[in-house]
């Protein structure tokens, strides 16, 4: 048989009693876990940023005058 609405409304609630020390320890562990996750993410982002920076350096245009000087053996004095 299905439980009635009356029975489910007045069903006993579950109460968990935890000491203050255990609650603080759990909160501290949760904060430490968040901090560790952030540190890992920061390391990943820093690594990605550095690789992008290296790619940008490789894609920067070279000095045109220096290339022409090396071809004809002259200097770029004008």
Protein backbone atom coordinates (compact mmCIF):
# COMPACT_ATOMS: atom_id res chain seq x y z
CA UNK A 1 0.00 0.00 0.00
CA UNK A 2 1.19 3.55 -0.73
CA UNK A 3 2.11 5.82 2.17
CA UNK A 4 -0.32 8.61 2.76
CA UNK A 5 0.54 12.27 2.50
CA UNK A 6 -0.12 12.57 6.22
CA UNK A 7 2.45 9.86 7.03
CA UNK A 8 5.16 11.34 4.81
CA UNK A 9 4.57 14.86 6.12
CA UNK A 10 4.94 13.85 9.74
CA UNK A 11 7.72 11.33 9.21
CA UNK A 12 10.55 11.64 11.72
CA UNK A 13 13.45 13.81 10.58
CA UNK A 14 17.05 12.71 10.78
CA UNK A 15 19.30 14.69 13.10
CA UNK A 16 23.06 14.23 13.11
CA UNK A 17 25.05 15.59 16.03
CA UNK A 18 28.66 16.50 15.31
CA UNK A 19 31.19 17.99 17.68
CA UNK A 20 32.48 21.48 17.00
CA UNK A 21 36.00 20.12 16.47
CA UNK A 22 34.85 17.62 13.85
CA UNK A 23 32.83 20.31 12.09
CA UNK A 24 35.83 22.64 12.00
CA UNK A 25 38.09 19.83 10.78
CA UNK A 26 35.64 19.02 7.98
CA UNK A 27 35.45 22.68 6.97
CA UNK A 28 39.25 22.96 7.05
CA UNK A 29 39.60 19.85 4.87
CA UNK A 30 37.05 21.23 2.41
CA UNK A 31 38.89 24.56 2.19
CA UNK A 32 42.24 22.79 1.77
CA UNK A 33 40.78 20.67 -1.00
CA UNK A 34 39.52 23.81 -2.77
CA UNK A 35 42.93 25.43 -2.36
CA UNK A 36 44.71 22.37 -3.78
CA UNK A 37 42.36 22.32 -6.76
CA UNK A 38 43.04 26.00 -7.40
CA UNK A 39 46.79 25.46 -7.19
CA UNK A 40 46.58 22.69 -9.78
CA UNK A 41 44.47 24.86 -12.06
CA UNK A 42 46.86 27.80 -11.68
CA UNK A 43 49.78 25.55 -12.61
CA UNK A 44 47.92 24.30 -15.69
CA UNK A 45 47.01 27.83 -16.78
CA UNK A 46 50.56 29.08 -16.21
CA UNK A 47 51.97 26.25 -18.31
CA UNK A 48 49.48 27.01 -21.09
CA UNK A 49 50.25 30.74 -20.89
CA UNK A 50 53.98 30.08 -21.21
CA UNK A 51 53.48 27.85 -24.24
CA UNK A 52 51.33 30.51 -25.91
CA UNK A 53 53.97 33.12 -25.16
CA UNK A 54 56.62 30.96 -26.83
CA UNK A 55 54.39 30.50 -29.89
CA UNK A 56 53.87 34.24 -30.12
CA UNK A 57 57.64 34.82 -29.97
CA UNK A 58 58.12 32.36 -32.84
CA UNK A 59 55.48 34.14 -34.93
CA UNK A 60 56.92 37.64 -34.49
CA UNK A 61 58.28 39.10 -37.74
CA UNK A 62 62.03 39.18 -38.21
CA UNK A 63 63.94 42.35 -39.01
CA UNK A 64 63.88 42.78 -42.77
CA UNK A 65 67.03 44.93 -42.95
CA UNK A 66 69.21 42.38 -41.23
CA UNK A 67 68.13 39.66 -43.65
CA UNK A 68 68.95 41.82 -46.69
CA UNK A 69 72.34 42.76 -45.26
CA UNK A 70 73.25 39.13 -44.77
CA UNK A 71 72.28 38.39 -48.38
CA UNK A 72 74.45 41.07 -49.99
CA UNK A 73 77.22 41.19 -47.38
CA UNK A 74 76.65 44.89 -46.77
CA UNK A 75 75.55 46.86 -43.79
CA UNK A 76 72.27 48.55 -43.19
CA UNK A 77 73.66 52.06 -43.14
CA UNK A 78 71.45 53.37 -45.86
